[in-house]
Amino acid sequence: MNNIMIYIVIINIISLIIYGIDKLLAIKHLYRVSEIALITLSIIGGSIGSILGMIIFHHKTKKIKFLILNPLILIIQIIFLIIK
């Protein structure tokens, strides 16, 4: 497994975990992970983990920004990988 694949796996696991943590914090009405941090995780390669986090934890599923941006970022990343 090359370094890029290792990075992709790790960043997606981190992204999934952060979505789960943010959902737990939301339930407990505690200080939350910022939306920009969640979107940044997608941008830096964690888009699959972000989408899975939205589905598994039912988190940010009513926010249009996340419903549009996370899949769009994933599509752009796939296109980039195909072109590269």
PDB file of N, CA and C in Angstrom:
ATOM      1  N   MET A   1       0.861  -1.182   0.000  1.00  0.00           N
ATOM      2  CA  MET A   1       0.000   0.000   0.000  1.00  0.00           C
ATOM      3  C   MET A   1       0.901   1.237   0.000  1.00  0.00           C
ATOM      4  N   ASN A   2       0.684   2.138  -0.948  1.00  0.00           N
ATOM      5  CA  ASN A   2       1.547   3.307  -1.014  1.00  0.00           C
ATOM      6  C   ASN A   2       1.116   4.379  -0.011  1.00  0.00           C
ATOM      7  N   ASN A   3       1.928   5.401   0.131  1.00  0.00           N
ATOM      8  CA  ASN A   3       1.699   6.433   1.131  1.00  0.00           C
ATOM      9  C   ASN A   3       0.387   7.194   0.922  1.00  0.00           C
ATOM     10  N   ILE A   4       0.008   7.424  -0.313  1.00  0.00           N
ATOM     11  CA  ILE A   4      -1.244   8.145  -0.590  1.00  0.00           C
ATOM     12  C   ILE A   4      -2.443   7.333  -0.101  1.00  0.00           C
ATOM     13  N   MET A   5      -2.432   6.049  -0.358  1.00  0.00           N
ATOM     14  CA  MET A   5      -3.542   5.196   0.082  1.00  0.00           C
ATOM     15  C   MET A   5      -3.604   5.124   1.611  1.00  0.00           C
ATOM     16  N   ILE A   6      -2.461   5.045   2.252  1.00  0.00           N
ATOM     17  CA  ILE A   6      -2.422   5.025   3.717  1.00  0.00           C
ATOM     18  C   ILE A   6      -3.003   6.326   4.259  1.00  0.00           C
ATOM     19  N   TYR A   7      -2.603   7.451   3.662  1.00  0.00           N
ATOM     20  CA  TYR A   7      -3.125   8.752   4.074  1.00  0.00           C
ATOM     21  C   TYR A   7      -4.650   8.807   3.915  1.00  0.00           C
ATOM     22  N   ILE A   8      -5.142   8.361   2.766  1.00  0.00           N
ATOM     23  CA  ILE A   8      -6.590   8.399   2.493  1.00  0.00           C
ATOM     24  C   ILE A   8      -7.351   7.571   3.535  1.00  0.00           C
ATOM     25  N   VAL A   9      -6.865   6.391   3.826  1.00  0.00           N
ATOM     26  CA  VAL A   9      -7.519   5.536   4.821  1.00  0.00           C
ATOM     27  C   VAL A   9      -7.519   6.218   6.188  1.00  0.00           C
ATOM     28  N   ILE A  10      -6.385   6.736   6.598  1.00  0.00           N
ATOM     29  CA  ILE A  10      -6.278   7.360   7.928  1.00  0.00           C
ATOM     30  C   ILE A  10      -7.149   8.602   8.033  1.00  0.00           C
ATOM     31  N   ILE A  11      -7.120   9.484   7.032  1.00  0.00           N
ATOM     32  CA  ILE A  11      -7.902  10.725   7.109  1.00  0.00           C
ATOM     33  C   ILE A  11      -9.402  10.426   7.089  1.00  0.00           C
ATOM     34  N   ASN A  12      -9.808   9.384   6.398  1.00  0.00           N
ATOM     35  CA  ASN A  12     -11.226   9.020   6.385  1.00  0.00           C
ATOM     36  C   ASN A  12     -11.669   8.417   7.716  1.00  0.00           C
ATOM     37  N   ILE A  13     -10.814   7.647   8.342  1.00  0.00           N
ATOM     38  CA  ILE A  13     -11.122   7.118   9.681  1.00  0.00           C
ATOM     39  C   ILE A  13     -11.232   8.269  10.670  1.00  0.00           C
ATOM     40  N   ILE A  14     -10.286   9.202  10.599  1.00  0.00           N
ATOM     41  CA  ILE A  14     -10.325  10.372  11.482  1.00  0.00           C
ATOM     42  C   ILE A  14     -11.602  11.175  11.249  1.00  0.00           C
ATOM     43  N   SER A  15     -11.944  11.395  10.005  1.00  0.00           N
ATOM     44  CA  SER A  15     -13.147  12.158   9.662  1.00  0.00           C
ATOM     45  C   SER A  15     -14.403  11.490  10.226  1.00  0.00           C
ATOM     46  N   LEU A  16     -14.503  10.194  10.052  1.00  0.00           N
ATOM     47  CA  LEU A  16     -15.642   9.447  10.586  1.00  0.00           C
ATOM     48  C   LEU A  16     -15.718   9.584  12.103  1.00  0.00           C
ATOM     49  N   ILE A  17     -14.595   9.441  12.764  1.00  0.00           N
ATOM     50  CA  ILE A  17     -14.554   9.548  14.223  1.00  0.00           C
ATOM     51  C   ILE A  17     -14.945  10.952  14.680  1.00  0.00           C
ATOM     52  N   ILE A  18     -14.451  11.975  13.998  1.00  0.00           N
ATOM     53  CA  ILE A  18     -14.761  13.359  14.375  1.00  0.00           C
ATOM     54  C   ILE A  18     -16.255  13.637  14.202  1.00  0.00           C
ATOM     55  N   TYR A  19     -16.875  13.116  13.153  1.00  0.00           N
ATOM     56  CA  TYR A  19     -18.328  13.283  12.989  1.00  0.00           C
ATOM     57  C   TYR A  19     -19.063  12.610  14.149  1.00  0.00           C
ATOM     58  N   GLY A  20     -18.593  11.449  14.559  1.00  0.00           N
ATOM     59  CA  GLY A  20     -19.211  10.766  15.696  1.00  0.00           C
ATOM     60  C   GLY A  20     -19.045  11.547  16.989  1.00  0.00           C
ATOM     61  N   ILE A  21     -17.863  12.076  17.198  1.00  0.00           N
ATOM     62  CA  ILE A  21     -17.610  12.883  18.399  1.00  0.00           C
ATOM     63  C   ILE A  21     -18.489  14.127  18.396  1.00  0.00           C
ATOM     64  N   ASP A  22     -18.577  14.797  17.248  1.00  0.00           N
ATOM     65  CA  ASP A  22     -19.389  16.015  17.171  1.00  0.00           C
ATOM     66  C   ASP A  22     -20.860  15.714  17.427  1.00  0.00           C
ATOM     67  N   LYS A  23     -21.331  14.586  16.937  1.00  0.00           N
ATOM     68  CA  LYS A  23     -22.719  14.194  17.202  1.00  0.00           C
ATOM     69  C   LYS A  23     -22.935  13.973  18.702  1.00  0.00           C
ATOM     70  N   LEU A  24     -21.999  13.293  19.341  1.00  0.00           N
ATOM     71  CA  LEU A  24     -22.093  13.068  20.782  1.00  0.00           C
ATOM     72  C   LEU A  24     -22.081  14.390  21.548  1.00  0.00           C
ATOM     73  N   LEU A  25     -21.199  15.297  21.142  1.00  0.00           N
ATOM     74  CA  LEU A  25     -21.146  16.615  21.779  1.00  0.00           C
ATOM     75  C   LEU A  25     -22.454  17.381  21.577  1.00  0.00           C
ATOM     76  N   ALA A  26     -23.055  17.231  20.401  1.00  0.00           N
ATOM     77  CA  ALA A  26     -24.333  17.898  20.131  1.00  0.00           C
ATOM     78  C   ALA A  26     -25.426  17.356  21.041  1.00  0.00           C
ATOM     79  N   ILE A  27     -25.457  16.063  21.200  1.00  0.00           N
ATOM     80  CA  ILE A  27     -26.467  15.431  22.065  1.00  0.00           C
ATOM     81  C   ILE A  27     -26.308  15.915  23.502  1.00  0.00           C
ATOM     82  N   LYS A  28     -25.061  16.070  23.937  1.00  0.00           N
ATOM     83  CA  LYS A  28     -24.799  16.475  25.330  1.00  0.00           C
ATOM     84  C   LYS A  28     -24.771  17.992  25.506  1.00  0.00           C
ATOM     85  N   HIS A  29     -25.042  18.734  24.413  1.00  0.00           N
ATOM     86  CA  HIS A  29     -25.062  20.205  24.441  1.00  0.00           C
ATOM     87  C   HIS A  29     -23.738  20.785  24.928  1.00  0.00           C
ATOM     88  N   LEU A  30     -22.651  20.209  24.445  1.00  0.00           N
ATOM     89  CA  LEU A  30     -21.313  20.671  24.802  1.00  0.00           C
ATOM     90  C   LEU A  30     -20.687  21.414  23.629  1.00  0.00           C
ATOM     91  N   TYR A  31     -19.511  21.973  23.855  1.00  0.00           N
ATOM     92  CA  TYR A  31     -18.769  22.688  22.827  1.00  0.00           C
ATOM     93  C   TYR A  31     -18.564  21.769  21.627  1.00  0.00           C
ATOM     94  N   ARG A  32     -18.798  22.286  20.419  1.00  0.00           N
ATOM     95  CA  ARG A  32     -18.831  21.471  19.207  1.00  0.00           C
ATOM     96  C   ARG A  32     -17.620  21.679  18.314  1.00  0.00           C
ATOM     97  N   VAL A  33     -17.434  20.749  17.414  1.00  0.00           N
ATOM     98  CA  VAL A  33     -16.447  20.878  16.339  1.00  0.00           C
ATOM     99  C   VAL A  33     -17.033  21.871  15.338  1.00  0.00           C
ATOM    100  N   SER A  34     -16.231  22.810  14.886  1.00  0.00           N
ATOM    101  CA  SER A  34     -16.748  23.828  13.967  1.00  0.00           C
ATOM    102  C   SER A  34     -17.100  23.216  12.614  1.00  0.00           C
ATOM    103  N   GLU A  35     -18.061  23.836  11.945  1.00  0.00           N
ATOM    104  CA  GLU A  35     -18.455  23.354  10.617  1.00  0.00           C
ATOM    105  C   GLU A  35     -17.296  23.476   9.633  1.00  0.00           C
ATOM    106  N   ILE A  36     -16.504  24.516   9.757  1.00  0.00           N
ATOM    107  CA  ILE A  36     -15.359  24.679   8.856  1.00  0.00           C
ATOM    108  C   ILE A  36     -14.346  23.552   9.061  1.00  0.00           C
ATOM    109  N   ALA A  37     -14.189  23.094  10.296  1.00  0.00           N
ATOM    110  CA  ALA A  37     -13.276  21.968  10.554  1.00  0.00           C
ATOM    111  C   ALA A  37     -13.815  20.693   9.910  1.00  0.00           C
ATOM    112  N   LEU A  38     -15.125  20.480   9.992  1.00  0.00           N
ATOM    113  CA  LEU A  38     -15.718  19.288   9.384  1.00  0.00           C
ATOM    114  C   LEU A  38     -15.576  19.320   7.860  1.00  0.00           C
ATOM    115  N   ILE A  39     -15.826  20.471   7.259  1.00  0.00           N
ATOM    116  CA  ILE A  39     -15.678  20.605   5.800  1.00  0.00           C
ATOM    117  C   ILE A  39     -14.204  20.460   5.405  1.00  0.00           C
ATOM    118  N   THR A  40     -13.312  21.016   6.211  1.00  0.00           N
ATOM    119  CA  THR A  40     -11.874  20.906   5.926  1.00  0.00           C
ATOM    120  C   THR A  40     -11.426  19.449   5.910  1.00  0.00           C
ATOM    121  N   LEU A  41     -11.967  18.648   6.812  1.00  0.00           N
ATOM    122  CA  LEU A  41     -11.640  17.218   6.804  1.00  0.00           C
ATOM    123  C   LEU A  41     -11.996  16.585   5.462  1.00  0.00           C
ATOM    124  N   SER A  42     -13.140  16.976   4.909  1.00  0.00           N
ATOM    125  CA  SER A  42     -13.525  16.461   3.586  1.00  0.00           C
ATOM    126  C   SER A  42     -12.548  16.918   2.518  1.00  0.00           C
ATOM    127  N   ILE A  43     -12.217  18.200   2.550  1.00  0.00           N
ATOM    128  CA  ILE A  43     -11.347  18.777   1.527  1.00  0.00           C
ATOM    129  C   ILE A  43      -9.971  18.128   1.527  1.00  0.00           C
ATOM    130  N   ILE A  44      -9.444  17.809   2.693  1.00  0.00           N
ATOM    131  CA  ILE A  44      -8.086  17.245   2.745  1.00  0.00           C
ATOM    132  C   ILE A  44      -8.066  15.724   2.556  1.00  0.00           C
ATOM    133  N   GLY A  45      -9.189  15.171   2.108  1.00  0.00           N
ATOM    134  CA  GLY A  45      -9.209  13.757   1.733  1.00  0.00           C
ATOM    135  C   GLY A  45     -10.172  12.882   2.505  1.00  0.00           C
ATOM    136  N   GLY A  46     -10.864  13.437   3.487  1.00  0.00           N
ATOM    137  CA  GLY A  46     -11.761  12.636   4.315  1.00  0.00           C
ATOM    138  C   GLY A  46     -13.218  12.671   3.900  1.00  0.00           C
ATOM    139  N   SER A  47     -13.478  12.879   2.632  1.00  0.00           N
ATOM    140  CA  SER A  47     -14.870  13.023   2.182  1.00  0.00           C
ATOM    141  C   SER A  47     -15.686  11.736   2.359  1.00  0.00           C
ATOM    142  N   ILE A  48     -15.086  10.600   2.139  1.00  0.00           N
ATOM    143  CA  ILE A  48     -15.819   9.339   2.325  1.00  0.00           C
ATOM    144  C   ILE A  48     -16.155   9.150   3.802  1.00  0.00           C
ATOM    145  N   GLY A  49     -15.200   9.416   4.676  1.00  0.00           N
ATOM    146  CA  GLY A  49     -15.444   9.329   6.113  1.00  0.00           C
ATOM    147  C   GLY A  49     -16.503  10.316   6.569  1.00  0.00           C
ATOM    148  N   SER A  50     -16.499  11.514   5.977  1.00  0.00           N
ATOM    149  CA  SER A  50     -17.504  12.523   6.311  1.00  0.00           C
ATOM    150  C   SER A  50     -18.902  12.067   5.905  1.00  0.00           C
ATOM    151  N   ILE A  51     -19.010  11.544   4.702  1.00  0.00           N
ATOM    152  CA  ILE A  51     -20.310  11.070   4.223  1.00  0.00           C
ATOM    153  C   ILE A  51     -20.782   9.890   5.069  1.00  0.00           C
ATOM    154  N   LEU A  52     -19.881   8.972   5.366  1.00  0.00           N
ATOM    155  CA  LEU A  52     -20.248   7.846   6.235  1.00  0.00           C
ATOM    156  C   LEU A  52     -20.647   8.331   7.622  1.00  0.00           C
ATOM    157  N   GLY A  53     -19.938   9.338   8.142  1.00  0.00           N
ATOM    158  CA  GLY A  53     -20.288   9.913   9.438  1.00  0.00           C
ATOM    159  C   GLY A  53     -21.672  10.525   9.437  1.00  0.00           C
ATOM    160  N   MET A  54     -22.008  11.186   8.341  1.00  0.00           N
ATOM    161  CA  MET A  54     -23.351  11.764   8.221  1.00  0.00           C
ATOM    162  C   MET A  54     -24.407  10.661   8.238  1.00  0.00           C
ATOM    163  N   ILE A  55     -24.124   9.577   7.540  1.00  0.00           N
ATOM    164  CA  ILE A  55     -25.097   8.478   7.437  1.00  0.00           C
ATOM    165  C   ILE A  55     -25.175   7.685   8.742  1.00  0.00           C
ATOM    166  N   ILE A  56     -24.032   7.260   9.252  1.00  0.00           N
ATOM    167  CA  ILE A  56     -24.003   6.398  10.437  1.00  0.00           C
ATOM    168  C   ILE A  56     -24.534   7.113  11.666  1.00  0.00           C
ATOM    169  N   PHE A  57     -24.094   8.364  11.855  1.00  0.00           N
ATOM    170  CA  PHE A  57     -24.462   9.097  13.070  1.00  0.00           C
ATOM    171  C   PHE A  57     -25.667  10.014  12.881  1.00  0.00           C
ATOM    172  N   HIS A  58     -26.243  10.012  11.662  1.00  0.00           N
ATOM    173  CA  HIS A  58     -27.365  10.905  11.354  1.00  0.00           C
ATOM    174  C   HIS A  58     -27.019  12.333  11.755  1.00  0.00           C
ATOM    175  N   HIS A  59     -25.831  12.756  11.331  1.00  0.00           N
ATOM    176  CA  HIS A  59     -25.289  14.045  11.753  1.00  0.00           C
ATOM    177  C   HIS A  59     -25.123  14.971  10.558  1.00  0.00           C
ATOM    178  N   LYS A  60     -25.620  16.174  10.691  1.00  0.00           N
ATOM    179  CA  LYS A  60     -25.549  17.215   9.659  1.00  0.00           C
ATOM    180  C   LYS A  60     -26.363  16.841   8.427  1.00  0.00           C
ATOM    181  N   THR A  61     -27.293  15.934   8.567  1.00  0.00           N
ATOM    182  CA  THR A  61     -28.080  15.478   7.420  1.00  0.00           C
ATOM    183  C   THR A  61     -29.173  16.476   7.022  1.00  0.00           C
ATOM    184  N   LYS A  62     -29.465  17.435   7.868  1.00  0.00           N
ATOM    185  CA  LYS A  62     -30.461  18.459   7.527  1.00  0.00           C
ATOM    186  C   LYS A  62     -29.808  19.758   7.079  1.00  0.00           C
ATOM    187  N   LYS A  63     -28.495  19.781   7.076  1.00  0.00           N
ATOM    188  CA  LYS A  63     -27.753  20.972   6.660  1.00  0.00           C
ATOM    189  C   LYS A  63     -27.424  20.859   5.172  1.00  0.00           C
ATOM    190  N   ILE A  64     -28.039  21.725   4.381  1.00  0.00           N
ATOM    191  CA  ILE A  64     -27.852  21.703   2.933  1.00  0.00           C
ATOM    192  C   ILE A  64     -26.375  21.827   2.570  1.00  0.00           C
ATOM    193  N   LYS A  65     -25.656  22.654   3.308  1.00  0.00           N
ATOM    194  CA  LYS A  65     -24.229  22.850   3.043  1.00  0.00           C
ATOM    195  C   LYS A  65     -23.489  21.513   3.034  1.00  0.00           C
ATOM    196  N   PHE A  66     -23.773  20.663   3.989  1.00  0.00           N
ATOM    197  CA  PHE A  66     -23.094  19.374   4.096  1.00  0.00           C
ATOM    198  C   PHE A  66     -23.635  18.378   3.075  1.00  0.00           C
ATOM    199  N   LEU A  67     -24.928  18.425   2.817  1.00  0.00           N
ATOM    200  CA  LEU A  67     -25.529  17.512   1.841  1.00  0.00           C
ATOM    201  C   LEU A  67     -25.010  17.768   0.435  1.00  0.00           C
ATOM    202  N   ILE A  68     -24.636  19.001   0.155  1.00  0.00           N
ATOM    203  CA  ILE A  68     -24.118  19.348  -1.176  1.00  0.00           C
ATOM    204  C   ILE A  68     -22.595  19.259  -1.216  1.00  0.00           C
ATOM    205  N   LEU A  69     -21.931  19.871  -0.231  1.00  0.00           N
ATOM    206  CA  LEU A  69     -20.471  19.965  -0.291  1.00  0.00           C
ATOM    207  C   LEU A  69     -19.752  18.629  -0.165  1.00  0.00           C
ATOM    208  N   ASN A  70     -20.147  17.793   0.768  1.00  0.00           N
ATOM    209  CA  ASN A  70     -19.409  16.536   0.948  1.00  0.00           C
ATOM    210  C   ASN A  70     -19.434  15.652  -0.297  1.00  0.00           C
ATOM    211  N   PRO A  71     -20.597  15.397  -0.910  1.00  0.00           N
ATOM    212  CA  PRO A  71     -20.572  14.614  -2.154  1.00  0.00           C
ATOM    213  C   PRO A  71     -19.843  15.330  -3.296  1.00  0.00           C
ATOM    214  N   LEU A  72     -19.987  16.659  -3.371  1.00  0.00           N
ATOM    215  CA  LEU A  72     -19.300  17.418  -4.414  1.00  0.00           C
ATOM    216  C   LEU A  72     -17.787  17.316  -4.261  1.00  0.00           C
ATOM    217  N   ILE A  73     -17.313  17.435  -3.039  1.00  0.00           N
ATOM    218  CA  ILE A  73     -15.874  17.294  -2.772  1.00  0.00           C
ATOM    219  C   ILE A  73     -15.407  15.894  -3.158  1.00  0.00           C
ATOM    220  N   LEU A  74     -16.189  14.875  -2.820  1.00  0.00           N
ATOM    221  CA  LEU A  74     -15.827  13.495  -3.186  1.00  0.00           C
ATOM    222  C   LEU A  74     -15.746  13.343  -4.707  1.00  0.00           C
ATOM    223  N   ILE A  75     -16.701  13.885  -5.418  1.00  0.00           N
ATOM    224  CA  ILE A  75     -16.694  13.800  -6.887  1.00  0.00           C
ATOM    225  C   ILE A  75     -15.450  14.479  -7.457  1.00  0.00           C
ATOM    226  N   ILE A  76     -15.131  15.652  -6.939  1.00  0.00           N
ATOM    227  CA  ILE A  76     -13.941  16.374  -7.403  1.00  0.00           C
ATOM    228  C   ILE A  76     -12.680  15.564  -7.110  1.00  0.00           C
ATOM    229  N   GLN A  77     -12.615  14.945  -5.946  1.00  0.00           N
ATOM    230  CA  GLN A  77     -11.446  14.136  -5.599  1.00  0.00           C
ATOM    231  C   GLN A  77     -11.327  12.916  -6.510  1.00  0.00           C
ATOM    232  N   ILE A  78     -12.454  12.295  -6.834  1.00  0.00           N
ATOM    233  CA  ILE A  78     -12.419  11.132  -7.737  1.00  0.00           C
ATOM    234  C   ILE A  78     -11.960  11.559  -9.123  1.00  0.00           C
ATOM    235  N   ILE A  79     -12.483  12.683  -9.619  1.00  0.00           N
ATOM    236  CA  ILE A  79     -12.064  13.194 -10.925  1.00  0.00           C
ATOM    237  C   ILE A  79     -10.569  13.480 -10.924  1.00  0.00           C
ATOM    238  N   PHE A  80     -10.076  14.107  -9.840  1.00  0.00           N
ATOM    239  CA  PHE A  80      -8.655  14.397  -9.723  1.00  0.00           C
ATOM    240  C   PHE A  80      -7.826  13.113  -9.789  1.00  0.00           C
ATOM    241  N   LEU A  81      -8.264  12.074  -9.106  1.00  0.00           N
ATOM    242  CA  LEU A  81      -7.521  10.813  -9.104  1.00  0.00           C
ATOM    243  C   LEU A  81      -7.536  10.151 -10.481  1.00  0.00           C
ATOM    244  N   ILE A  82      -8.667  10.283 -11.184  1.00  0.00           N
ATOM    245  CA  ILE A  82      -8.762   9.693 -12.526  1.00  0.00           C
ATOM    246  C   ILE A  82      -7.852  10.430 -13.498  1.00  0.00           C
ATOM    247  N   ILE A  83      -7.866  11.750 -13.431  1.00  0.00           N
ATOM    248  CA  ILE A  83      -7.053  12.569 -14.341  1.00  0.00           C
ATOM    249  C   ILE A  83      -5.565  12.396 -14.056  1.00  0.00           C
ATOM    250  N   LYS A  84      -5.222  12.294 -12.784  1.00  0.00           N
ATOM    251  CA  LYS A  84      -3.828  12.183 -12.390  1.00  0.00           C
ATOM    252  C   LYS A  84      -3.257  10.918 -12.951  1.00  0.00           C
TER     253      LYS A  84
END
